[in-house]
N, C-alpha and C. Protein backbone atom coordinates (compact mmCIF):
# COMPACT_ATOMS: atom_id res chain seq x y z
N MET A 1 -8.89 12.58 -27.40
CA MET A 1 -7.84 11.84 -27.38
C MET A 1 -7.05 11.00 -27.87
N SER A 2 -6.33 10.69 -28.50
CA SER A 2 -4.92 9.68 -29.14
C SER A 2 -5.44 7.96 -28.22
N GLU A 3 -5.05 7.24 -29.04
CA GLU A 3 -5.18 6.45 -29.22
C GLU A 3 -3.49 5.37 -27.58
N TRP A 4 -2.60 6.34 -28.21
CA TRP A 4 -2.04 6.15 -26.89
C TRP A 4 -1.94 6.41 -25.79
N MET A 5 -2.69 7.51 -25.97
CA MET A 5 -3.02 7.96 -24.86
C MET A 5 -3.88 7.09 -23.62
N LYS A 6 -5.69 6.74 -24.39
CA LYS A 6 -6.20 6.22 -24.25
C LYS A 6 -5.51 4.49 -22.97
N ARG A 7 -4.55 4.47 -24.02
CA ARG A 7 -4.78 3.09 -23.86
C ARG A 7 -3.32 3.21 -22.09
N LEU A 8 -2.68 3.89 -22.16
CA LEU A 8 -1.46 4.72 -21.29
C LEU A 8 -2.87 4.72 -20.01
N ILE A 9 -4.09 5.23 -20.34
CA ILE A 9 -4.48 5.70 -19.07
C ILE A 9 -5.63 4.57 -18.53
N GLU A 10 -5.92 3.89 -20.43
CA GLU A 10 -7.03 3.27 -19.75
C GLU A 10 -6.93 1.97 -19.70
N LYS A 11 -5.34 1.40 -19.76
CA LYS A 11 -5.10 -0.26 -20.11
C LYS A 11 -3.65 -0.31 -19.46
N HIS A 12 -3.30 -1.59 -18.43
CA HIS A 12 -2.63 -1.78 -17.65
C HIS A 12 -2.08 -3.17 -18.16
N THR A 13 -1.27 -3.51 -17.98
CA THR A 13 0.11 -4.49 -18.24
C THR A 13 0.33 -4.85 -17.62
N CYS A 14 0.27 -6.64 -16.94
CA CYS A 14 -0.07 -7.90 -15.73
C CYS A 14 1.83 -7.21 -15.32
N PHE A 15 2.34 -7.40 -14.07
CA PHE A 15 4.21 -7.44 -14.38
C PHE A 15 4.68 -9.46 -14.57
N PHE A 16 3.73 -9.54 -14.58
CA PHE A 16 3.92 -11.64 -14.46
C PHE A 16 3.79 -12.54 -16.06
N CYS A 17 2.41 -11.55 -15.83
CA CYS A 17 2.00 -12.89 -17.11
C CYS A 17 1.94 -11.46 -18.49
N LYS A 18 2.08 -10.33 -18.69
CA LYS A 18 2.15 -9.43 -19.58
C LYS A 18 0.68 -9.46 -19.96
N GLU A 19 0.16 -9.34 -20.06
CA GLU A 19 -1.18 -9.09 -20.53
C GLU A 19 -2.06 -8.16 -20.16
N THR A 20 -2.72 -7.24 -20.76
CA THR A 20 -3.93 -6.35 -20.11
C THR A 20 -4.43 -6.46 -20.48
N ALA A 21 -4.49 -5.64 -19.23
CA ALA A 21 -6.23 -5.52 -17.86
C ALA A 21 -6.50 -4.18 -18.81
N ASP A 22 -7.81 -4.10 -17.85
CA ASP A 22 -8.54 -2.35 -18.24
C ASP A 22 -8.09 -2.08 -16.44
N ARG A 23 -7.79 -1.18 -15.86
CA ARG A 23 -7.49 0.05 -14.91
C ARG A 23 -8.57 -0.26 -14.55
N LYS A 24 -9.67 -1.04 -13.96
CA LYS A 24 -10.22 -0.52 -13.44
C LYS A 24 -10.33 -2.21 -12.33
N ASP A 25 -9.67 -3.24 -13.63
CA ASP A 25 -9.87 -4.18 -13.08
C ASP A 25 -8.30 -5.50 -12.61
N CYS A 26 -7.46 -3.94 -12.59
CA CYS A 26 -6.12 -4.24 -12.40
C CYS A 26 -5.77 -4.08 -10.95
N PHE A 27 -5.24 -4.74 -10.29
CA PHE A 27 -4.59 -4.81 -8.36
C PHE A 27 -2.51 -3.93 -9.17
N THR A 28 -2.42 -3.26 -7.69
CA THR A 28 -1.41 -2.62 -7.84
C THR A 28 -1.22 -3.35 -6.05
N ILE A 29 0.08 -3.63 -6.20
CA ILE A 29 1.27 -4.55 -5.19
C ILE A 29 2.10 -3.42 -4.93
N ASN A 30 2.55 -3.38 -3.57
CA ASN A 30 3.30 -2.11 -3.35
C ASN A 30 4.61 -3.36 -2.59
N MET A 31 5.66 -3.13 -3.13
CA MET A 31 5.92 -4.58 -2.50
C MET A 31 7.67 -3.82 -2.01
N ASN A 32 7.77 -4.31 -0.54
CA ASN A 32 9.03 -3.15 -0.27
C ASN A 32 9.84 -4.40 0.06
N THR A 33 11.07 -4.54 -0.99
CA THR A 33 12.21 -5.39 -0.65
C THR A 33 13.37 -4.73 -0.02
N LEU A 34 14.66 -5.83 -0.17
CA LEU A 34 15.73 -4.96 -0.25
C LEU A 34 16.47 -5.05 -1.88
N GLU A 35 16.19 -4.58 -2.36
CA GLU A 35 16.32 -3.84 -3.31
C GLU A 35 15.70 -2.34 -3.69
N GLY A 36 14.68 -2.03 -2.31
CA GLY A 36 14.21 -0.74 -2.22
C GLY A 36 12.92 -1.25 -2.90
N LYS A 37 12.22 -0.42 -2.80
CA LYS A 37 10.04 0.11 -3.18
C LYS A 37 10.04 -0.47 -4.58
N HIS A 38 9.49 -1.07 -4.88
CA HIS A 38 8.37 -1.47 -6.04
C HIS A 38 6.81 -1.60 -5.88
N LYS A 39 6.18 -1.01 -6.85
CA LYS A 39 4.93 -0.80 -7.41
C LYS A 39 4.23 -1.50 -8.46
N VAL A 40 4.12 -2.67 -8.98
CA VAL A 40 3.46 -3.28 -10.11
C VAL A 40 2.24 -3.79 -10.21
N ASN A 41 1.59 -3.97 -11.30
CA ASN A 41 0.26 -3.65 -12.14
C ASN A 41 -0.07 -5.29 -11.94
N ILE A 42 -0.94 -5.45 -11.36
CA ILE A 42 -1.17 -6.95 -12.43
C ILE A 42 -3.07 -7.60 -12.35
N CYS A 43 -2.97 -8.59 -12.82
CA CYS A 43 -4.55 -8.53 -13.80
C CYS A 43 -4.75 -9.42 -12.76
N PRO A 44 -6.60 -9.74 -12.40
CA PRO A 44 -7.26 -10.64 -11.16
C PRO A 44 -6.36 -11.89 -11.73
N LYS A 45 -6.21 -12.24 -12.39
CA LYS A 45 -5.67 -14.23 -13.18
C LYS A 45 -4.22 -14.07 -11.23
N CYS A 46 -4.33 -13.27 -11.69
CA CYS A 46 -2.11 -13.14 -10.97
C CYS A 46 -2.92 -12.82 -10.03
N ALA A 47 -3.77 -12.44 -9.51
CA ALA A 47 -3.63 -11.37 -8.29
C ALA A 47 -4.52 -12.47 -7.35
N ASN A 48 -5.04 -14.05 -8.30
CA ASN A 48 -6.00 -14.57 -6.85
C ASN A 48 -4.51 -15.42 -7.08
N GLU A 49 -3.78 -15.44 -7.74
CA GLU A 49 -2.34 -17.05 -7.34
C GLU A 49 -1.35 -15.45 -6.46
N PHE A 50 -0.76 -14.73 -6.77
CA PHE A 50 -0.18 -13.96 -5.32
C PHE A 50 -0.94 -13.84 -4.38
N ASP A 51 -2.64 -13.89 -3.67
CA ASP A 51 -3.02 -14.02 -2.43
C ASP A 51 -2.90 -14.76 -1.88
N ASP A 52 -3.28 -16.10 -2.68
CA ASP A 52 -2.87 -17.92 -2.23
C ASP A 52 -1.48 -18.16 -2.20
N ILE A 53 -0.45 -17.85 -2.30
CA ILE A 53 0.86 -17.59 -1.74
C ILE A 53 1.38 -17.07 -0.57
N MET A 54 0.77 -15.53 -0.87
CA MET A 54 1.14 -14.77 0.22
C MET A 54 0.38 -14.94 1.41
N LYS A 55 -0.46 -16.12 1.60
CA LYS A 55 -1.92 -16.47 2.76
C LYS A 55 -1.12 -18.43 2.99
N GLU A 56 -0.07 -18.82 2.09
CA GLU A 56 1.19 -19.30 2.51
C GLU A 56 1.98 -19.34 3.21
N LEU A 57 2.65 -17.66 2.86
CA LEU A 57 3.71 -16.89 3.10
C LEU A 57 3.44 -17.51 4.41
N GLU A 58 2.39 -16.65 4.79
CA GLU A 58 1.99 -15.65 6.02
C GLU A 58 1.57 -16.88 6.64
N ILE A 59 1.51 -17.86 7.16
CA ILE A 59 1.88 -19.56 7.83
C ILE A 59 2.72 -19.74 7.40
N VAL A 60 3.32 -20.21 7.09
CA VAL A 60 5.25 -20.39 7.19
C VAL A 60 5.71 -19.73 8.10
N ILE A 61 5.88 -18.40 7.88
CA ILE A 61 6.17 -17.47 8.71
C ILE A 61 5.06 -17.22 10.39
N GLU A 62 4.40 -17.71 10.28
CA GLU A 62 4.04 -17.84 11.45
C GLU A 62 4.38 -19.11 12.72
N GLU A 63 4.53 -19.69 12.52
CA GLU A 63 4.39 -21.37 12.60
C GLU A 63 5.69 -20.94 13.13
N ARG A 64 6.90 -20.70 11.77
CA ARG A 64 8.57 -20.40 12.10
C ARG A 64 8.33 -19.57 13.96
N ASN A 65 7.63 -18.95 13.48
CA ASN A 65 7.86 -16.82 14.19
C ASN A 65 7.57 -18.60 17.03
N ASN A 66 7.00 -19.11 15.94
CA ASN A 66 6.29 -19.90 17.33
C ASN A 66 7.79 -20.93 17.19
N THR A 67 7.81 -22.01 17.17
CA THR A 67 9.14 -22.31 17.28
C THR A 67 10.48 -22.37 18.48
N ILE A 68 10.81 -20.75 18.13
CA ILE A 68 11.60 -20.01 19.04
C ILE A 68 11.87 -20.11 20.57
């Protein structure tokens, strides 16, 4: 298998930090935004940060819904 094909299959580039990581270590995020659906790959470090942000966002949205 060629080097280019190996890199394409085995390595992915993180959407946020642009570092490459093994396919086994990457996470896939499926986002549905106003611009349409997006599917991005992120590294484990960025995945932890993204997870923390989403947890905080869920708390804020939950609090906001209880005020109405």
